[in-house]
């Protein structure tokens, strides 16, 4: 149920200037978004998997905190990642 190394590399390559730079907020937010999508699909088939439900809530909270941090530090980067990932209206 976890993301493969190739999937992670693709996510970081798509959202970072460097593929090896995994510490940027944009890359981490994109990775959390991919994990959220994967867990959501898993939960559609396995409604009673409480461990996955808890993991989903934790990952959503981490992504929200990173978005809040990015909003406070650099509003343009925040707007760019929101638009790129289609997280808001």
N, C-alpha and C. Protein backbone atom coordinates (compact mmCIF):
# COMPACT_ATOMS: atom_id res chain seq x y z
N UNK A 1 0.82 -1.19 0.00
CA UNK A 1 0.00 0.00 0.00
C UNK A 1 0.86 1.26 0.00
N UNK A 2 2.16 1.11 0.14
CA UNK A 2 3.01 2.28 0.11
C UNK A 2 3.45 2.57 -1.32
N UNK A 3 3.92 3.76 -1.53
CA UNK A 3 4.36 4.16 -2.86
C UNK A 3 5.71 3.53 -3.17
N UNK A 4 5.92 3.16 -4.41
CA UNK A 4 7.19 2.57 -4.80
C UNK A 4 8.23 3.66 -4.97
N UNK A 5 9.49 3.26 -5.00
CA UNK A 5 10.58 4.22 -5.15
C UNK A 5 10.49 4.95 -6.49
N UNK A 6 10.07 4.25 -7.53
CA UNK A 6 9.93 4.89 -8.85
C UNK A 6 8.84 5.95 -8.84
N UNK A 7 7.74 5.65 -8.16
CA UNK A 7 6.64 6.61 -8.07
C UNK A 7 7.08 7.85 -7.32
N UNK A 8 7.82 7.66 -6.23
CA UNK A 8 8.31 8.80 -5.45
C UNK A 8 9.25 9.66 -6.28
N UNK A 9 10.14 9.01 -7.05
CA UNK A 9 11.07 9.77 -7.90
C UNK A 9 10.32 10.59 -8.93
N UNK A 10 9.27 9.99 -9.51
CA UNK A 10 8.47 10.71 -10.50
C UNK A 10 7.79 11.93 -9.88
N UNK A 11 7.25 11.75 -8.68
CA UNK A 11 6.56 12.86 -8.00
C UNK A 11 7.55 13.98 -7.72
N UNK A 12 8.73 13.65 -7.18
CA UNK A 12 9.72 14.68 -6.87
C UNK A 12 10.26 15.33 -8.14
N UNK A 13 10.44 14.55 -9.19
CA UNK A 13 10.94 15.10 -10.45
C UNK A 13 9.93 16.09 -11.05
N UNK A 14 8.66 15.76 -10.90
CA UNK A 14 7.59 16.60 -11.46
C UNK A 14 7.41 17.91 -10.70
N UNK A 15 7.63 17.90 -9.38
CA UNK A 15 7.31 19.06 -8.56
C UNK A 15 8.53 19.79 -7.99
N UNK A 16 9.73 19.29 -8.24
CA UNK A 16 10.94 19.95 -7.76
C UNK A 16 11.81 20.33 -8.93
N UNK A 17 12.73 21.24 -8.69
CA UNK A 17 13.67 21.60 -9.73
C UNK A 17 14.72 20.50 -9.90
N UNK A 18 15.04 19.78 -8.81
CA UNK A 18 16.00 18.69 -8.85
C UNK A 18 15.32 17.41 -8.38
N UNK A 19 15.65 16.31 -9.02
CA UNK A 19 15.04 15.03 -8.65
C UNK A 19 15.48 14.57 -7.27
N UNK A 20 16.73 14.87 -6.90
CA UNK A 20 17.27 14.40 -5.63
C UNK A 20 16.85 15.28 -4.46
N UNK A 21 16.25 16.43 -4.73
CA UNK A 21 15.86 17.36 -3.67
C UNK A 21 14.50 16.96 -3.12
N UNK A 22 14.51 16.17 -2.04
CA UNK A 22 13.26 15.66 -1.48
C UNK A 22 12.77 16.47 -0.29
N UNK A 23 13.47 17.53 0.07
CA UNK A 23 13.12 18.27 1.26
C UNK A 23 12.26 19.49 1.03
N UNK A 24 12.01 19.86 -0.21
CA UNK A 24 11.21 21.05 -0.45
C UNK A 24 9.76 20.81 -0.05
N UNK A 25 9.12 21.86 0.35
CA UNK A 25 7.72 21.77 0.77
C UNK A 25 6.84 21.31 -0.39
N UNK A 26 7.12 21.80 -1.59
CA UNK A 26 6.31 21.42 -2.75
C UNK A 26 6.39 19.92 -3.02
N UNK A 27 7.59 19.38 -2.95
CA UNK A 27 7.76 17.95 -3.18
C UNK A 27 7.08 17.11 -2.13
N UNK A 28 7.19 17.53 -0.88
CA UNK A 28 6.55 16.78 0.19
C UNK A 28 5.03 16.86 0.10
N UNK A 29 4.51 18.01 -0.24
CA UNK A 29 3.06 18.17 -0.40
C UNK A 29 2.57 17.28 -1.54
N UNK A 30 3.31 17.25 -2.64
CA UNK A 30 2.93 16.40 -3.77
C UNK A 30 2.98 14.92 -3.39
N UNK A 31 4.00 14.54 -2.61
CA UNK A 31 4.10 13.15 -2.17
C UNK A 31 2.94 12.79 -1.25
N UNK A 32 2.60 13.67 -0.32
CA UNK A 32 1.45 13.42 0.56
C UNK A 32 0.16 13.32 -0.24
N UNK A 33 0.02 14.13 -1.29
CA UNK A 33 -1.18 14.08 -2.12
C UNK A 33 -1.28 12.74 -2.83
N UNK A 34 -0.15 12.23 -3.32
CA UNK A 34 -0.15 10.92 -3.97
C UNK A 34 -0.51 9.81 -2.98
N UNK A 35 0.03 9.91 -1.75
CA UNK A 35 -0.30 8.92 -0.73
C UNK A 35 -1.78 8.98 -0.36
N UNK A 36 -2.31 10.19 -0.26
CA UNK A 36 -3.73 10.36 0.08
C UNK A 36 -4.61 9.72 -1.00
N UNK A 37 -4.25 9.92 -2.25
CA UNK A 37 -5.03 9.33 -3.35
C UNK A 37 -4.98 7.81 -3.30
N UNK A 38 -3.80 7.26 -2.99
CA UNK A 38 -3.66 5.81 -2.93
C UNK A 38 -4.46 5.22 -1.76
N UNK A 39 -4.37 5.84 -0.61
CA UNK A 39 -5.10 5.33 0.56
C UNK A 39 -6.60 5.47 0.36
N UNK A 40 -7.03 6.55 -0.28
CA UNK A 40 -8.45 6.75 -0.55
C UNK A 40 -8.99 5.63 -1.44
N UNK A 41 -8.23 5.27 -2.48
CA UNK A 41 -8.65 4.18 -3.35
C UNK A 41 -8.71 2.86 -2.57
N UNK A 42 -7.75 2.64 -1.70
CA UNK A 42 -7.74 1.43 -0.88
C UNK A 42 -8.97 1.37 0.03
N UNK A 43 -9.31 2.51 0.61
CA UNK A 43 -10.44 2.54 1.54
C UNK A 43 -11.79 2.38 0.85
N UNK A 44 -11.85 2.68 -0.44
CA UNK A 44 -13.11 2.45 -1.16
C UNK A 44 -13.43 0.97 -1.21
N UNK A 45 -12.39 0.14 -1.31
CA UNK A 45 -12.60 -1.31 -1.36
C UNK A 45 -12.61 -1.94 0.03
N UNK A 46 -11.93 -1.33 0.99
CA UNK A 46 -11.79 -1.89 2.33
C UNK A 46 -12.29 -0.88 3.36
N UNK A 47 -13.59 -0.80 3.49
CA UNK A 47 -14.20 0.23 4.33
C UNK A 47 -13.90 0.08 5.81
N UNK A 48 -13.60 -1.13 6.28
CA UNK A 48 -13.40 -1.35 7.70
C UNK A 48 -11.93 -1.34 8.12
N UNK A 49 -11.06 -0.91 7.26
CA UNK A 49 -9.63 -0.87 7.57
C UNK A 49 -9.34 0.40 8.39
N UNK A 50 -9.44 0.26 9.69
CA UNK A 50 -9.31 1.41 10.58
C UNK A 50 -7.88 1.96 10.63
N UNK A 51 -6.89 1.11 10.46
CA UNK A 51 -5.50 1.56 10.47
C UNK A 51 -5.24 2.48 9.29
N UNK A 52 -5.79 2.13 8.14
CA UNK A 52 -5.61 2.98 6.96
C UNK A 52 -6.39 4.29 7.10
N UNK A 53 -7.54 4.24 7.76
CA UNK A 53 -8.30 5.46 7.99
C UNK A 53 -7.51 6.42 8.86
N UNK A 54 -6.87 5.89 9.89
CA UNK A 54 -6.07 6.72 10.79
C UNK A 54 -4.86 7.29 10.04
N UNK A 55 -4.22 6.44 9.23
CA UNK A 55 -3.08 6.90 8.45
C UNK A 55 -3.49 8.03 7.50
N UNK A 56 -4.66 7.91 6.91
CA UNK A 56 -5.16 8.95 6.01
C UNK A 56 -5.34 10.27 6.75
N UNK A 57 -5.92 10.21 7.93
CA UNK A 57 -6.14 11.43 8.72
C UNK A 57 -4.80 12.07 9.09
N UNK A 58 -3.81 11.26 9.46
CA UNK A 58 -2.50 11.79 9.82
C UNK A 58 -1.80 12.45 8.63
N UNK A 59 -1.87 11.81 7.46
CA UNK A 59 -1.22 12.36 6.28
C UNK A 59 -1.90 13.65 5.83
N UNK A 60 -3.22 13.69 5.91
CA UNK A 60 -3.94 14.92 5.56
C UNK A 60 -3.53 16.05 6.50
N UNK A 61 -3.35 15.75 7.77
CA UNK A 61 -2.91 16.76 8.74
C UNK A 61 -1.51 17.26 8.45
N UNK A 62 -0.62 16.35 8.08
CA UNK A 62 0.75 16.76 7.73
C UNK A 62 0.76 17.67 6.51
N UNK A 63 -0.03 17.28 5.49
CA UNK A 63 -0.10 18.10 4.28
C UNK A 63 -0.68 19.48 4.59
N UNK A 64 -1.69 19.52 5.46
CA UNK A 64 -2.30 20.80 5.82
C UNK A 64 -1.31 21.70 6.54
N UNK A 65 -0.50 21.11 7.45
CA UNK A 65 0.51 21.89 8.16
C UNK A 65 1.58 22.41 7.21
N UNK A 66 2.00 21.59 6.24
CA UNK A 66 2.99 22.06 5.27
C UNK A 66 2.42 23.18 4.40
N UNK A 67 1.16 23.04 4.01
CA UNK A 67 0.53 24.10 3.22
C UNK A 67 0.42 25.39 4.02
N UNK A 68 0.11 25.28 5.30
CA UNK A 68 0.03 26.45 6.16
C UNK A 68 1.40 27.12 6.29
N UNK A 69 2.45 26.30 6.45
CA UNK A 69 3.82 26.83 6.52
C UNK A 69 4.18 27.55 5.22
N UNK A 70 3.90 26.92 4.09
CA UNK A 70 4.23 27.51 2.80
C UNK A 70 3.44 28.80 2.58
N UNK A 71 2.20 28.84 3.03
CA UNK A 71 1.37 30.04 2.90
C UNK A 71 1.97 31.20 3.70
N UNK A 72 2.51 30.89 4.87
CA UNK A 72 3.06 31.96 5.70
C UNK A 72 4.42 32.44 5.22
N UNK A 73 5.19 31.56 4.57
CA UNK A 73 6.54 31.91 4.14
C UNK A 73 6.60 32.51 2.75
N UNK A 74 5.89 31.91 1.80
CA UNK A 74 5.97 32.37 0.41
C UNK A 74 4.63 32.10 -0.28
N UNK A 75 3.80 33.13 -0.38
CA UNK A 75 2.45 32.99 -0.89
C UNK A 75 2.44 32.58 -2.37
N UNK A 76 3.43 33.00 -3.14
CA UNK A 76 3.47 32.66 -4.56
C UNK A 76 3.74 31.16 -4.77
N UNK A 77 4.65 30.60 -4.00
CA UNK A 77 4.92 29.15 -4.08
C UNK A 77 3.68 28.38 -3.64
N UNK A 78 2.98 28.88 -2.62
CA UNK A 78 1.75 28.26 -2.14
C UNK A 78 0.70 28.24 -3.25
N UNK A 79 0.50 29.36 -3.89
CA UNK A 79 -0.49 29.44 -4.96
C UNK A 79 -0.13 28.54 -6.13
N UNK A 80 1.17 28.45 -6.42
CA UNK A 80 1.61 27.61 -7.54
C UNK A 80 1.34 26.13 -7.25
N UNK A 81 1.63 25.67 -6.05
CA UNK A 81 1.43 24.25 -5.74
C UNK A 81 -0.05 23.93 -5.63
N UNK A 82 -0.85 24.86 -5.13
CA UNK A 82 -2.30 24.64 -5.06
C UNK A 82 -2.87 24.49 -6.46
N UNK A 83 -2.42 25.34 -7.36
CA UNK A 83 -2.91 25.30 -8.73
C UNK A 83 -2.44 24.03 -9.45
N UNK A 84 -1.18 23.67 -9.21
CA UNK A 84 -0.61 22.51 -9.89
C UNK A 84 -1.27 21.20 -9.45
N UNK A 85 -1.61 21.10 -8.17
CA UNK A 85 -2.20 19.87 -7.64
C UNK A 85 -3.73 19.89 -7.61
N UNK A 86 -4.33 21.02 -7.96
CA UNK A 86 -5.79 21.18 -7.94
C UNK A 86 -6.37 20.85 -6.57
N UNK A 87 -5.81 21.46 -5.52
CA UNK A 87 -6.28 21.19 -4.16
C UNK A 87 -7.42 22.09 -3.73
N UNK A 88 -7.52 23.26 -4.29
CA UNK A 88 -8.58 24.19 -3.90
C UNK A 88 -9.38 24.58 -5.14
N UNK A 89 -10.47 25.24 -4.89
CA UNK A 89 -11.31 25.70 -6.00
C UNK A 89 -10.66 26.83 -6.74
